[in-house]
Protein backbone atom coordinates (compact mmCIF):
# COMPACT_ATOMS: atom_id res chain seq x y z
CA MET A 1 0.15 -0.06 0.20
CA ILE A 2 1.24 3.48 -0.93
CA THR A 3 0.30 6.36 1.24
CA TYR A 4 -0.52 10.38 0.25
CA LYS A 5 2.83 11.58 1.81
CA GLN A 6 5.00 8.41 0.16
CA LEU A 7 3.53 9.10 -3.46
CA ARG A 8 4.43 13.21 -3.03
CA ASP A 9 7.84 12.35 -1.37
CA MET A 10 8.93 9.97 -4.27
CA TYR A 11 7.84 11.85 -7.28
CA ILE A 12 9.68 14.87 -6.01
CA GLN A 13 12.87 12.83 -5.22
CA PHE A 14 12.69 11.13 -8.84
CA PHE A 15 12.44 14.91 -10.59
CA LYS A 16 15.13 15.92 -8.36
CA SER A 17 17.33 13.08 -9.50
CA LYS A 18 16.68 14.14 -12.96
CA GLN A 19 18.46 17.84 -11.85
CA HIS A 20 14.86 19.39 -11.42
CA ALA A 21 14.58 21.93 -9.01
CA GLU A 22 11.86 21.43 -6.06
CA ILE A 23 9.95 25.19 -6.01
CA SER A 24 7.56 26.16 -3.28
CA GLY A 25 3.67 25.83 -4.22
CA LYS A 26 1.72 28.91 -4.45
CA SER A 27 -1.60 30.15 -2.88
CA LEU A 28 -4.79 29.27 -3.63
CA VAL A 29 -5.90 32.58 -4.21
CA PRO A 30 -4.03 33.49 -7.35
CA GLU A 31 -2.12 36.97 -7.44
CA ASN A 32 -2.73 39.12 -10.53
CA ASP A 33 -5.39 36.90 -11.92
CA PRO A 34 -8.90 38.39 -12.48
CA THR A 35 -9.94 35.17 -14.55
CA VAL A 36 -10.19 32.33 -11.69
CA LEU A 37 -11.10 32.59 -8.07
CA PHE A 38 -8.74 30.04 -7.19
CA THR A 39 -6.10 27.98 -8.34
CA THR A 40 -7.15 25.64 -10.30
CA ALA A 41 -4.02 23.21 -11.62
CA GLY A 42 -0.30 22.76 -10.67
CA MET A 43 0.72 24.88 -14.05
CA HIS A 44 -1.45 27.58 -13.03
CA PRO A 45 1.17 29.93 -10.93
CA LEU A 46 3.88 29.01 -13.49
CA VAL A 47 2.08 30.30 -16.07
CA PRO A 48 4.68 33.49 -16.60
CA TYR A 49 7.29 31.32 -17.01
CA LEU A 50 5.76 28.95 -19.72
CA LEU A 51 5.29 32.76 -21.57
CA GLY A 52 8.68 33.64 -21.63
CA GLU A 53 9.82 35.15 -17.83
CA VAL A 54 12.77 33.31 -16.53
CA HIS A 55 12.57 31.61 -13.90
CA PRO A 56 15.28 31.91 -11.11
CA GLU A 57 15.56 28.25 -10.00
CA GLY A 58 16.46 27.27 -13.76
CA LYS A 59 14.94 25.48 -16.71
CA ARG A 60 14.02 22.31 -15.20
CA LEU A 61 10.97 22.25 -12.39
CA THR A 62 8.92 20.31 -9.90
CA ASP A 63 6.67 21.07 -6.98
CA TYR A 64 3.23 19.89 -5.03
CA GLN A 65 0.72 22.66 -5.36
CA LYS A 66 -2.67 22.67 -3.45
CA CYS A 67 -5.64 23.41 -5.99
CA PHE A 68 -9.36 23.95 -5.50
CA ARG A 69 -11.87 23.87 -8.79
CA THR A 70 -15.84 24.90 -8.36
CA ALA A 71 -17.14 23.39 -11.36
CA ASP A 72 -18.13 19.94 -9.26
CA ILE A 73 -19.05 21.23 -5.98
CA ASP A 74 -22.59 19.91 -6.43
CA GLU A 75 -20.82 16.14 -7.34
CA VAL A 76 -18.57 16.07 -4.39
CA GLY A 77 -20.17 12.89 -2.55
CA ASP A 78 -19.64 10.40 -5.17
CA ALA A 79 -16.49 8.11 -4.82
CA SER A 80 -14.50 10.32 -7.16
CA HIS A 81 -15.23 13.98 -7.52
CA LEU A 82 -13.21 16.52 -4.98
CA THR A 83 -12.94 20.32 -4.71
CA PHE A 84 -9.60 20.85 -2.75
CA PHE A 85 -6.94 18.60 -4.01
CA GLU A 86 -2.88 18.44 -4.64
CA MET A 87 -1.34 18.25 -8.06
CA LEU A 88 2.44 17.04 -8.63
CA GLY A 89 4.02 18.55 -11.58
CA ASN A 90 7.12 18.77 -13.43
CA TRP A 91 8.84 21.52 -15.87
CA SER A 92 10.45 22.20 -18.58
CA LEU A 93 11.22 26.06 -19.52
CA GLY A 94 12.83 25.98 -22.76
CA ASP A 95 14.96 22.76 -21.84
CA TYR A 96 14.01 19.02 -22.53
CA PHE A 97 11.03 18.02 -24.76
CA LYS A 98 9.09 14.93 -25.57
CA GLU A 99 11.71 12.25 -25.50
CA GLU A 100 12.71 12.85 -21.66
CA SER A 101 9.26 14.00 -20.76
CA ILE A 102 7.54 10.70 -21.54
CA ALA A 103 10.62 8.57 -21.27
CA TRP A 104 10.60 9.55 -17.49
CA SER A 105 7.17 9.85 -16.82
CA PHE A 106 7.37 5.93 -18.08
CA GLU A 107 10.29 4.93 -15.61
CA PHE A 108 8.47 6.71 -12.87
CA LEU A 109 5.67 4.72 -13.33
CA THR A 110 6.82 1.26 -14.40
CA SER A 111 10.37 1.29 -12.32
CA PRO A 112 10.36 -1.44 -9.25
CA GLN A 113 12.29 1.41 -7.70
CA TYR A 114 9.16 3.89 -7.74
CA LEU A 115 5.52 3.00 -8.56
CA HIS A 116 6.18 -0.44 -10.44
CA ILE A 117 2.73 -0.23 -12.06
CA PRO A 118 2.59 -3.29 -14.68
CA ILE A 119 3.41 -2.15 -18.21
CA GLU A 120 -0.14 -3.98 -19.47
CA LYS A 121 -2.00 -2.09 -17.13
CA LEU A 122 -1.00 1.42 -19.06
CA PHE A 123 -2.82 3.02 -21.88
CA VAL A 124 -2.08 6.41 -23.43
CA THR A 125 -3.35 9.08 -25.98
CA VAL A 126 -1.87 11.33 -28.34
CA PHE A 127 -3.19 14.13 -30.53
CA GLU A 128 -4.55 12.65 -33.53
CA GLY A 129 -4.45 15.90 -36.16
CA ASP A 130 -6.16 17.94 -38.02
CA GLU A 131 -6.41 20.71 -40.90
CA ILE A 132 -4.05 22.85 -38.58
CA VAL A 133 -1.62 20.98 -37.09
CA ALA A 134 -0.11 17.51 -37.83
CA LYS A 135 -0.61 14.05 -36.27
CA ASP A 136 1.84 13.67 -33.06
CA GLU A 137 3.53 10.48 -34.24
CA GLU A 138 6.61 11.79 -32.66
CA SER A 139 5.05 10.76 -29.19
CA ALA A 140 3.44 7.58 -29.99
CA HIS A 141 6.65 6.53 -31.80
CA ILE A 142 8.41 7.31 -28.52
CA TRP A 143 5.63 5.49 -26.38
CA LYS A 144 6.00 2.47 -28.86
CA LYS A 145 9.88 2.25 -27.97
CA LEU A 146 9.29 2.03 -24.31
CA GLY A 147 7.32 -1.05 -24.90
CA ILE A 148 3.63 0.29 -24.63
CA ALA A 149 1.55 -1.75 -27.40
CA HIS A 150 -0.19 -0.19 -30.56
CA ASP A 151 -3.31 -1.49 -29.59
CA ARG A 152 -3.08 0.77 -26.55
CA ILE A 153 -1.94 3.78 -28.03
CA TYR A 154 -5.04 6.06 -28.91
CA PHE A 155 -5.09 8.92 -31.24
CA LEU A 156 -7.79 11.17 -29.99
CA PRO A 157 -9.03 14.68 -31.21
CA ARG A 158 -8.33 18.55 -29.93
CA SER A 159 -11.49 18.21 -27.49
CA ASP A 160 -9.02 15.31 -25.54
CA ASN A 161 -5.39 16.05 -26.49
CA TRP A 162 -4.65 19.55 -26.74
CA TRP A 163 -3.58 22.08 -24.36
CA GLY A 164 -4.44 26.12 -25.31
CA PRO A 165 -3.96 28.53 -25.81
CA ALA A 166 -5.54 30.23 -22.78
CA GLY A 167 -6.54 33.79 -24.92
CA GLU A 168 -6.95 34.32 -28.67
CA THR A 169 -3.18 34.06 -29.33
CA GLY A 170 -0.18 32.78 -27.26
CA PRO A 171 1.72 28.90 -26.62
CA CYS A 172 -0.11 25.85 -27.31
CA GLY A 173 0.52 22.10 -28.03
CA PRO A 174 -0.68 18.59 -28.08
CA ASP A 175 -0.44 16.20 -24.75
CA THR A 176 -0.28 12.69 -24.21
CA GLU A 177 -2.31 11.30 -21.22
CA ILE A 178 -1.61 8.17 -19.40
CA PHE A 179 -4.32 6.30 -17.94
CA ILE A 180 -4.59 3.35 -15.60
CA ASP A 181 -6.83 0.38 -16.69
CA THR A 182 -8.83 -0.31 -13.47
CA GLY A 183 -10.03 -3.67 -14.40
CA LYS A 184 -13.43 -2.99 -14.63
CA GLU A 185 -15.40 -4.40 -17.78
CA LYS A 186 -15.73 -2.24 -21.01
CA CYS A 187 -19.11 -0.21 -21.17
CA SER A 188 -19.52 -0.89 -24.63
CA PRO A 189 -17.24 -2.25 -27.77
CA THR A 190 -15.64 1.01 -28.22
CA CYS A 191 -14.96 2.31 -24.70
CA LYS A 192 -11.40 3.48 -24.77
CA PRO A 193 -9.40 5.86 -22.30
CA GLY A 194 -11.12 9.24 -22.93
CA CYS A 195 -14.28 7.31 -21.51
CA HIS A 196 -16.18 8.17 -18.19
CA CYS A 197 -17.37 5.05 -17.58
CA GLY A 198 -14.59 4.57 -14.94
CA LYS A 199 -12.43 1.42 -16.40
CA TYR A 200 -9.62 3.77 -17.58
CA VAL A 201 -8.42 6.61 -15.16
CA GLU A 202 -6.26 9.29 -15.80
CA ILE A 203 -3.10 9.65 -13.71
CA TRP A 204 -0.80 11.85 -15.62
CA ASN A 205 -1.05 14.77 -18.43
CA ASN A 206 1.88 15.73 -20.34
CA VAL A 207 1.60 18.91 -22.55
CA PHE A 208 4.07 19.96 -25.24
CA MET A 209 3.66 23.54 -25.59
CA GLN A 210 5.37 23.79 -29.24
CA TYR A 211 3.32 26.18 -31.34
CA GLU A 212 2.02 29.94 -30.61
CA LYS A 213 -1.64 30.45 -31.99
CA THR A 214 -1.30 33.82 -34.02
CA LYS A 215 -4.02 36.70 -34.42
CA ASP A 216 -4.98 35.12 -38.51
CA GLY A 217 -5.64 31.80 -36.14
CA SER A 218 -2.51 30.23 -37.50
CA PHE A 219 0.39 28.02 -35.71
CA ILE A 220 3.52 28.80 -36.06
CA PRO A 221 6.39 26.49 -33.95
CA LEU A 222 7.61 27.97 -30.71
CA SER A 223 11.72 28.56 -30.87
CA ARG A 224 11.37 28.06 -27.10
CA LYS A 225 9.56 25.11 -26.36
CA CYS A 226 8.11 24.23 -23.12
CA VAL A 227 6.66 21.17 -21.02
CA ASP A 228 4.32 21.13 -18.44
CA THR A 229 2.94 18.02 -16.73
CA GLY A 230 0.32 16.99 -14.10
CA MET A 231 -0.27 14.40 -11.47
CA GLY A 232 -3.29 14.56 -9.10
CA VAL A 233 -2.15 12.78 -6.04
CA GLU A 234 -5.52 11.73 -4.15
CA ARG A 235 -6.77 9.99 -7.81
CA THR A 236 -2.96 8.43 -8.10
CA VAL A 237 -3.02 6.92 -4.73
CA ALA A 238 -6.69 5.64 -4.67
CA MET A 239 -5.56 3.85 -8.36
CA LEU A 240 -2.21 2.78 -7.17
CA ASN A 241 -4.21 1.01 -4.07
CA GLY A 242 -6.99 -0.65 -6.23
CA PHE A 243 -9.75 1.50 -4.68
CA LYS A 244 -12.82 2.03 -5.54
CA SER A 245 -13.17 5.58 -3.75
CA VAL A 246 -10.66 8.46 -3.25
CA TYR A 247 -12.17 8.55 -0.19
CA ASP A 248 -10.61 5.34 0.72
CA ILE A 249 -7.07 6.64 1.08
CA ASP A 250 -5.50 7.35 4.30
CA ILE A 251 -5.55 11.42 4.28
CA PHE A 252 -9.40 11.03 4.00
CA GLN A 253 -9.60 7.70 5.93
CA GLU A 254 -8.24 9.94 8.98
CA ILE A 255 -10.78 12.45 8.77
CA LEU A 256 -13.55 9.87 8.01
CA LYS A 257 -12.99 8.29 10.91
CA GLY A 258 -13.38 11.72 13.07
CA ILE A 259 -16.73 12.35 11.24
CA SER A 260 -17.70 8.47 12.32
CA GLN A 261 -16.76 9.14 16.00
CA PHE A 262 -18.71 12.50 16.20
CA SER A 263 -21.44 11.53 14.47
CA ASN A 264 -21.80 7.57 15.91
CA THR A 265 -21.95 6.88 12.44
CA ALA A 266 -19.70 3.79 10.71
CA TYR A 267 -18.42 4.75 7.43
CA GLY A 268 -19.26 2.16 4.72
CA LYS A 269 -22.38 0.66 6.04
CA ASP A 270 -24.98 3.14 4.21
CA ALA A 271 -24.79 4.68 1.24
CA VAL A 272 -27.02 8.24 1.78
CA LEU A 273 -24.68 8.41 5.12
CA ASP A 274 -21.77 7.93 3.25
CA THR A 275 -22.44 10.32 0.74
CA SER A 276 -22.64 13.40 3.57
CA MET A 277 -19.64 11.92 5.20
CA ARG A 278 -17.42 12.37 2.32
CA ILE A 279 -18.88 15.87 1.45
CA ILE A 280 -18.20 17.08 5.20
CA ALA A 281 -14.71 15.59 4.40
CA ASP A 282 -14.24 17.41 1.34
CA HIS A 283 -15.87 20.55 2.11
CA LEU A 284 -14.42 20.94 5.15
CA ARG A 285 -11.20 20.36 4.08
CA ALA A 286 -11.26 22.78 1.19
CA SER A 287 -12.46 25.03 3.45
CA CYS A 288 -9.58 24.44 6.12
CA PHE A 289 -7.54 25.42 3.20
CA ILE A 290 -9.13 28.45 1.77
CA LEU A 291 -9.10 29.98 5.14
CA GLY A 292 -5.45 28.99 6.39
CA ASP A 293 -4.04 29.98 2.77
CA PRO A 294 -1.54 33.15 3.32
CA LYS A 295 -3.95 35.37 1.25
CA SER A 296 -6.95 33.96 2.91
CA VAL A 297 -10.52 34.72 1.73
CA LEU A 298 -13.63 35.16 4.56
CA PRO A 299 -16.97 33.95 3.61
CA SER A 300 -19.13 36.24 2.09
CA ASN A 301 -21.80 36.78 -0.92
CA LEU A 302 -19.22 37.81 -3.91
CA GLY A 303 -16.55 35.61 -5.95
CA ALA A 304 -14.04 33.59 -3.80
CA GLY A 305 -15.75 34.58 -0.57
CA TYR A 306 -19.27 33.37 -1.80
CA VAL A 307 -17.86 29.87 -2.96
CA LEU A 308 -16.23 29.42 0.83
CA ARG A 309 -19.48 29.98 2.29
CA ARG A 310 -21.04 27.52 0.16
CA LEU A 311 -18.65 25.21 1.38
CA ILE A 312 -18.92 25.70 4.94
CA ARG A 313 -23.09 25.87 4.47
CA ARG A 314 -23.28 22.47 2.91
CA THR A 315 -20.86 20.90 5.29
CA ILE A 316 -23.19 22.22 7.90
CA ARG A 317 -26.36 21.12 6.74
CA HIS A 318 -24.78 17.57 6.81
CA CYS A 319 -23.39 17.86 9.92
CA LYS A 320 -26.61 18.08 10.82
CA LYS A 321 -28.01 14.90 9.10
CA LEU A 322 -25.44 13.18 10.66
CA ASN A 323 -26.03 14.93 14.33
CA ILE A 324 -22.75 16.56 14.38
CA ASN A 325 -23.32 19.34 16.34
CA GLU A 326 -21.10 22.54 16.01
CA GLN A 327 -18.24 21.76 18.36
CA ASP A 328 -17.26 18.70 16.94
CA LEU A 329 -17.36 20.10 13.46
CA LEU A 330 -14.51 22.61 14.52
CA HIS A 331 -12.94 19.26 16.26
CA ILE A 332 -12.98 17.54 12.61
CA ALA A 333 -11.42 20.65 11.23
CA SER A 334 -8.32 20.51 14.27
CA ILE A 335 -7.83 17.01 12.84
CA ILE A 336 -7.16 18.52 9.28
CA ILE A 337 -5.40 20.89 10.83
CA GLU A 338 -3.20 18.93 12.41
CA GLN A 339 -2.33 16.11 9.57
CA ASN A 340 -1.12 18.90 7.37
CA ARG A 341 0.68 20.77 9.92
CA ASP A 342 4.42 19.96 8.67
CA LEU A 343 3.88 20.72 4.84
CA TYR A 344 1.66 23.49 5.72
CA PRO A 345 2.62 25.29 8.63
CA GLU A 346 0.67 27.77 8.03
CA LEU A 347 -2.46 25.93 8.79
CA LEU A 348 -1.58 25.47 12.17
CA GLU A 349 -0.36 29.23 12.28
CA LYS A 350 -4.00 30.55 11.50
CA LYS A 351 -5.56 27.79 13.45
CA GLU A 352 -7.29 30.06 15.74
CA HIS A 353 -8.49 32.16 12.76
CA ILE A 354 -9.78 29.06 10.65
CA LEU A 355 -11.80 27.91 13.77
CA LYS A 356 -13.41 30.97 14.62
CA GLU A 357 -14.37 31.61 11.27
CA LEU A 358 -16.15 28.55 10.88
CA ASN A 359 -17.68 28.81 13.76
CA THR A 360 -18.62 32.66 13.17
CA GLU A 361 -20.25 31.29 9.69
CA GLN A 362 -22.18 27.84 11.80
CA ASN A 363 -23.95 31.16 13.73
CA LYS A 364 -24.72 33.25 10.54
CA PHE A 365 -26.13 30.00 8.76
CA PHE A 366 -28.29 29.16 11.95
CA GLU A 367 -29.61 32.52 11.72
CA THR A 368 -30.48 32.29 7.98
CA LEU A 369 -32.56 29.05 8.64
CA ARG A 370 -34.38 31.16 11.51
CA LYS A 371 -35.52 33.34 8.43
CA GLY A 372 -36.03 31.14 6.00
CA GLU A 373 -38.33 29.42 8.22
CA GLN A 374 -39.77 32.18 9.15
CA GLU A 375 -40.40 33.47 5.19
CA TYR A 376 -41.68 29.65 4.20
CA GLU A 377 -44.21 30.47 7.55
CA LYS A 378 -45.65 33.45 5.57
CA LEU A 379 -46.09 31.18 2.32
CA LEU A 380 -47.63 28.66 4.13
CA PRO A 381 -51.12 29.34 4.15
CA ASN A 382 -51.54 30.07 0.03
CA LEU A 383 -49.65 27.18 0.27
CA LEU A 384 -51.88 25.24 1.76
CA LYS A 385 -54.81 26.59 -0.60
CA ASN A 386 -53.69 25.14 -3.30
CA PRO A 387 -55.77 21.56 -3.59
CA ASN A 388 -52.81 19.49 -5.43
CA LYS A 389 -50.84 20.45 -2.01
CA ILE A 390 -47.62 20.79 -4.15
CA ILE A 391 -45.25 23.85 -2.82
CA PRO A 392 -43.25 24.39 -6.85
CA GLY A 393 -40.11 23.75 -7.61
CA ARG A 394 -39.10 27.96 -8.32
CA LEU A 395 -40.69 28.65 -5.09
CA ALA A 396 -38.87 26.33 -3.18
CA PHE A 397 -35.19 26.95 -4.93
CA ARG A 398 -36.31 30.74 -3.74
CA LEU A 399 -36.16 29.71 -0.53
CA TYR A 400 -32.71 27.74 -1.46
CA ASP A 401 -31.56 30.97 -3.43
CA THR A 402 -32.54 33.91 -1.63
CA TYR A 403 -32.09 32.45 2.02
CA GLY A 404 -29.90 29.73 1.95
CA PHE A 405 -32.59 27.45 2.57
CA PRO A 406 -31.82 23.53 1.66
CA PHE A 407 -34.15 21.86 -0.40
CA GLU A 408 -34.45 18.94 2.35
CA LEU A 409 -35.57 21.44 4.91
CA THR A 410 -38.19 22.61 2.44
CA GLU A 411 -39.03 18.84 2.55
CA GLU A 412 -39.17 18.44 6.31
CA LEU A 413 -41.25 21.70 6.50
CA ALA A 414 -43.93 20.78 3.31
CA CYS A 415 -44.20 16.98 4.83
CA GLU A 416 -45.15 18.35 8.12
CA SER A 417 -47.86 20.43 6.71
CA GLY A 418 -49.28 17.62 4.74
CA LEU A 419 -46.96 19.08 1.69
CA THR A 420 -45.26 17.79 -0.90
CA VAL A 421 -42.61 19.63 -2.81
CA ASP A 422 -42.13 20.00 -6.80
CA LYS A 423 -38.39 18.13 -6.90
CA GLN A 424 -38.26 18.25 -10.95
CA GLY A 425 -39.12 21.78 -10.81
CA PHE A 426 -36.39 22.89 -7.90
CA ASP A 427 -34.04 20.66 -10.18
CA GLU A 428 -34.66 22.37 -13.53
CA ALA A 429 -34.37 25.91 -11.52
CA PHE A 430 -30.96 24.87 -9.88
CA LYS A 431 -29.50 23.51 -13.02
CA LYS A 432 -29.92 26.58 -15.01
CA HIS A 433 -28.78 28.50 -11.79
CA GLN A 434 -25.51 25.99 -11.69
CA GLU A 435 -24.90 26.65 -15.32
CA LEU A 436 -24.80 30.60 -14.72
CA SER A 437 -22.58 30.36 -12.04
CA ARG A 438 -20.22 27.82 -13.40
CA ALA A 439 -19.99 30.51 -16.81
CA GLY A 440 -19.01 33.31 -14.63
CA SER A 441 -16.73 31.71 -12.02
CA GLU A 442 -14.80 28.61 -13.72
CA GLN A 443 -13.81 30.79 -16.65
CA THR A 444 -10.44 29.55 -18.83
CA PHE A 445 -7.38 30.77 -17.04
CA LYS A 446 -4.92 33.00 -18.59
CA GLY A 447 -1.82 33.17 -16.52
CA GLY A 448 -0.69 35.39 -13.91
CA LEU A 449 -2.54 38.66 -15.35
CA ALA A 450 -5.44 39.17 -17.90
CA ASP A 451 -2.42 39.10 -20.46
CA HIS A 452 0.74 40.01 -21.10
CA SER A 453 0.08 43.26 -23.36
CA GLU A 454 1.39 46.22 -23.02
CA ALA A 455 -1.12 48.12 -21.49
CA THR A 456 -1.38 45.17 -18.93
CA THR A 457 2.24 45.09 -18.21
CA ALA A 458 2.01 49.07 -17.40
CA TYR A 459 -0.75 48.65 -15.16
CA HIS A 460 1.76 45.63 -13.27
CA THR A 461 4.41 48.09 -12.84
CA ALA A 462 2.03 50.57 -11.93
CA THR A 463 1.20 48.59 -8.80
CA HIS A 464 4.71 48.46 -7.06
CA LEU A 465 4.57 52.28 -7.84
CA LEU A 466 1.15 52.45 -5.86
CA HIS A 467 2.66 50.03 -3.13
CA LYS A 468 5.30 51.89 -2.33
CA ALA A 469 3.31 55.35 -2.32
CA LEU A 470 1.02 54.07 0.38
CA ARG A 471 3.40 52.73 2.69
CA LEU A 472 5.05 56.32 2.96
CA VAL A 473 1.48 58.33 2.77
CA LEU A 474 -0.22 55.68 5.49
CA GLY A 475 2.34 54.21 6.98
CA GLU A 476 4.59 50.66 6.98
CA HIS A 477 1.50 48.49 7.76
CA VAL A 478 0.49 48.86 4.42
CA GLU A 479 0.44 45.52 2.86
CA GLN A 480 -0.67 43.88 -0.56
CA ARG A 481 -3.12 41.67 0.16
CA GLY A 482 -3.78 40.71 -3.66
CA SER A 483 -4.77 42.81 -7.21
CA ASN A 484 -6.75 41.97 -10.16
CA ILE A 485 -4.67 43.34 -13.16
CA THR A 486 -6.57 44.18 -16.87
CA ALA A 487 -5.52 46.10 -19.79
CA GLU A 488 -8.18 48.64 -18.48
CA ARG A 489 -7.46 49.05 -14.92
CA LEU A 490 -5.61 48.02 -11.93
CA ARG A 491 -7.49 47.00 -8.61
CA PHE A 492 -4.82 46.59 -5.49
CA ASP A 493 -5.80 45.53 -2.17
CA PHE A 494 -3.82 46.24 0.89
CA THR A 495 -4.00 46.45 4.68
CA HIS A 496 -5.29 49.38 6.33
CA PHE A 497 -8.06 50.24 8.96
CA GLN A 498 -9.99 52.60 7.49
CA PRO A 499 -10.95 54.90 4.47
CA MET A 500 -8.29 56.97 2.84
CA THR A 501 -9.44 60.70 3.12
CA ASP A 502 -9.18 62.99 -0.31
CA GLU A 503 -6.23 64.53 0.93
CA GLN A 504 -4.75 61.07 1.10
CA LYS A 505 -5.17 59.72 -2.13
CA LYS A 506 -4.58 63.25 -3.67
CA GLU A 507 -0.94 62.45 -2.21
CA VAL A 508 -0.41 58.92 -2.96
CA GLU A 509 -1.02 60.25 -6.86
CA ARG A 510 1.27 62.94 -6.64
CA ILE A 511 4.09 60.58 -5.71
CA VAL A 512 3.15 57.89 -7.89
CA ASN A 513 2.69 60.52 -10.81
CA GLU A 514 6.56 61.98 -9.46
CA GLN A 515 7.68 59.14 -10.50
CA ILE A 516 6.05 58.34 -13.66
CA ALA A 517 7.20 62.02 -14.71
CA ALA A 518 11.07 61.08 -13.81
CA HIS A 519 11.48 58.79 -16.32
CA LEU A 520 12.87 55.93 -13.57
CA PRO A 521 14.45 52.73 -15.32
CA VAL A 522 12.75 49.72 -14.26
CA THR A 523 15.89 46.79 -13.63
CA MET A 524 15.83 43.27 -12.48
CA GLU A 525 18.30 41.22 -10.92
CA THR A 526 18.31 37.56 -8.95
CA MET A 527 19.48 36.87 -5.65
CA PRO A 528 19.13 34.78 -3.14
CA LEU A 529 15.91 35.27 -0.80
CA GLU A 530 17.50 36.65 2.23
CA ASP A 531 19.83 39.04 0.39
CA ALA A 532 16.67 40.67 -1.14
CA LYS A 533 15.22 40.97 2.35
CA LYS A 534 18.29 42.22 3.63
CA ALA A 535 18.36 45.14 0.83
CA GLY A 536 14.90 45.79 2.01
CA ALA A 537 12.64 44.40 -0.67
CA MET A 538 8.98 44.03 -0.32
CA ALA A 539 7.45 40.86 -0.82
CA LEU A 540 3.66 39.79 -0.90
CA PHE A 541 2.36 39.24 2.36
CA GLY A 542 2.09 35.77 3.22
CA GLU A 543 3.29 34.51 -0.45
CA LYS A 544 5.84 31.40 -0.29
CA TYR A 545 9.14 32.35 -2.41
CA GLU A 546 11.62 29.93 -4.04
CA SER A 547 16.00 30.29 -2.29
CA ILE A 548 16.37 32.48 -5.12
CA VAL A 549 14.10 35.24 -6.38
CA LYS A 550 13.68 37.59 -9.29
CA VAL A 551 13.77 41.54 -7.36
CA TYR A 552 12.62 44.37 -9.62
CA ARG A 553 13.92 47.99 -9.08
CA ILE A 554 12.21 51.18 -10.01
CA GLY A 555 14.75 53.98 -9.60
CA ASP A 556 15.85 54.41 -6.05
CA PHE A 557 11.97 54.58 -5.37
CA SER A 558 10.86 51.18 -5.34
CA LEU A 559 12.27 47.73 -4.54
CA GLU A 560 9.96 44.43 -4.72
CA VAL A 561 10.22 40.66 -4.88
CA CYS A 562 7.79 39.81 -8.39
CA GLY A 563 7.99 37.92 -11.18
CA GLY A 564 6.87 40.71 -13.90
CA PRO A 565 6.43 41.02 -16.58
CA HIS A 566 7.12 45.15 -16.26
CA VAL A 567 8.21 48.10 -18.34
CA THR A 568 11.81 49.27 -18.67
CA ASN A 569 11.11 52.64 -17.99
CA THR A 570 8.07 54.26 -15.98
CA GLU A 571 7.57 57.18 -18.66
CA SER A 572 5.94 54.61 -20.41
CA LEU A 573 2.74 54.57 -17.93
CA GLY A 574 0.90 57.73 -18.47
CA HIS A 575 -0.44 59.97 -15.82
CA PHE A 576 -1.88 57.69 -12.88
CA ARG A 577 -5.32 58.34 -11.24
CA ILE A 578 -7.11 56.52 -8.31
CA ALA A 579 -10.68 55.93 -9.93
CA LYS A 580 -12.07 54.71 -6.46
CA GLU A 581 -11.00 53.76 -2.76
CA GLN A 582 -13.12 51.47 -0.81
CA SER A 583 -13.29 48.78 2.04
CA SER A 584 -12.64 45.14 0.84
CA SER A 585 -13.41 43.18 3.68
CA ALA A 586 -12.51 43.25 7.47
CA GLY A 587 -9.18 45.44 7.47
CA VAL A 588 -8.66 45.25 4.17
CA ARG A 589 -9.14 48.37 1.40
CA ARG A 590 -9.45 48.59 -2.06
CA ILE A 591 -8.08 50.78 -5.01
CA ARG A 592 -9.17 50.93 -8.22
CA ALA A 593 -6.93 52.78 -10.71
CA VAL A 594 -6.37 53.60 -13.98
CA LEU A 595 -3.65 55.14 -16.45
CA GLU A 596 -4.35 58.10 -18.77
């Protein structure tokens, strides 16, 4: 049996033996990215370097990255879906390419020293080609040389085996995906890797960025080719151990044991109760990591905060089903914090904060339920006049959407009143809402910034000037807590406990524009992180950095650790103007500014 920690350690050590530098995973909350709420894949923080930025640790990198995806929240509770997961990855930034990448994947998977998977269990897919880009015969040939039989190599279309570009233009290329045959019967004679019946489970994806898509829609070969790979830890551990469910792996079993203890319910005895226990395990784990992140968000009704609130409240609902009280939920959260304290010390450091916010949200939700019940009581007289004794699905959904009132509780109250609920109507309204939510919250990401255009790069550079000006005007307590940058404007969040006065805003504008008018050069050098700190370089609050970092200097005004990109001189920025200053969250202010 292989454990969660063993797979992670084995993977990192394997690629370190292949001269890859181990780098730190980044925050769950993306920096400078307006297109997603959370870090959705291991490669997400690496996109600027895949697009051409020079990484201070070199051209061969490996790491483990915490990730969160919102698209499948409502699927969690089955045997396979998760919201929070860890991704293992290795990258080549203009160094090795297909030959080495595929050979090392094969070695790690099949070598007795590592995972020792029988070769006959492996199936792979490669890009079948189209009228624009040729068939990826090269990858198929490499797999055959390694011993993968011809009938276990499948050529699939662009929808399956192509990555990017993220925007209308940019780097992109074919990928090869590696699957394990679980031993299940085929669902049909045409069943093959890529089918969702569960016979073939993907465990690794190697992306070969070898083309650039241009504005006219053509694809030209890149001079600097990159490799980006990803392996999900939870899913792979489950597959390697022959488990039927991802929740059977060791890290979840420990959480489920705690849930069983506090609910007096044995896991694995009742399918309905098992679903609730899995939802609690996944959602509470995700909530602890989001609240414990260095760039933590708080439950709210917008953006990432809304996703967090939804996770916590769904957890509470299922705790209620299992008779788990408020304090016991916090005890389960403590189990999650303790089991991750070594690799993610920020969880232990923020334990008090995590438990406090979970408890606060519990109290708010109970108040929400009280208001929902009051609203139901107001509607009840008219509902009882309905000769069919059926509560319309759209009304049940309004209670859910407006008041956060769970459908199951509406059903309970309806039963007590001699009514039933139109479940199909509720599902239809919910599905429509779900589609709108997915469209709004899980857009395709475009890297560290909205794009790497001149305008976006200028705004990114301007945030450095703004950051330093705020510290000069408001005080040294000011620290960046996030930013959102497009080609039209910048949004900058920072620590400060009261609204800025008009005089303070004007002074910040004056200082920034003074630096722009001074035509200051923008230069970069790499240095050890400790040297950067000694030199007085500012660094993003709570961020994890490598031992060697890039430090950007703007004249003698600003010195900051950053990944880029930046303009070469402040003269290209234009006139800086603060459009709005407002509260972002408790103790955090937000500035929106434009360059004119």
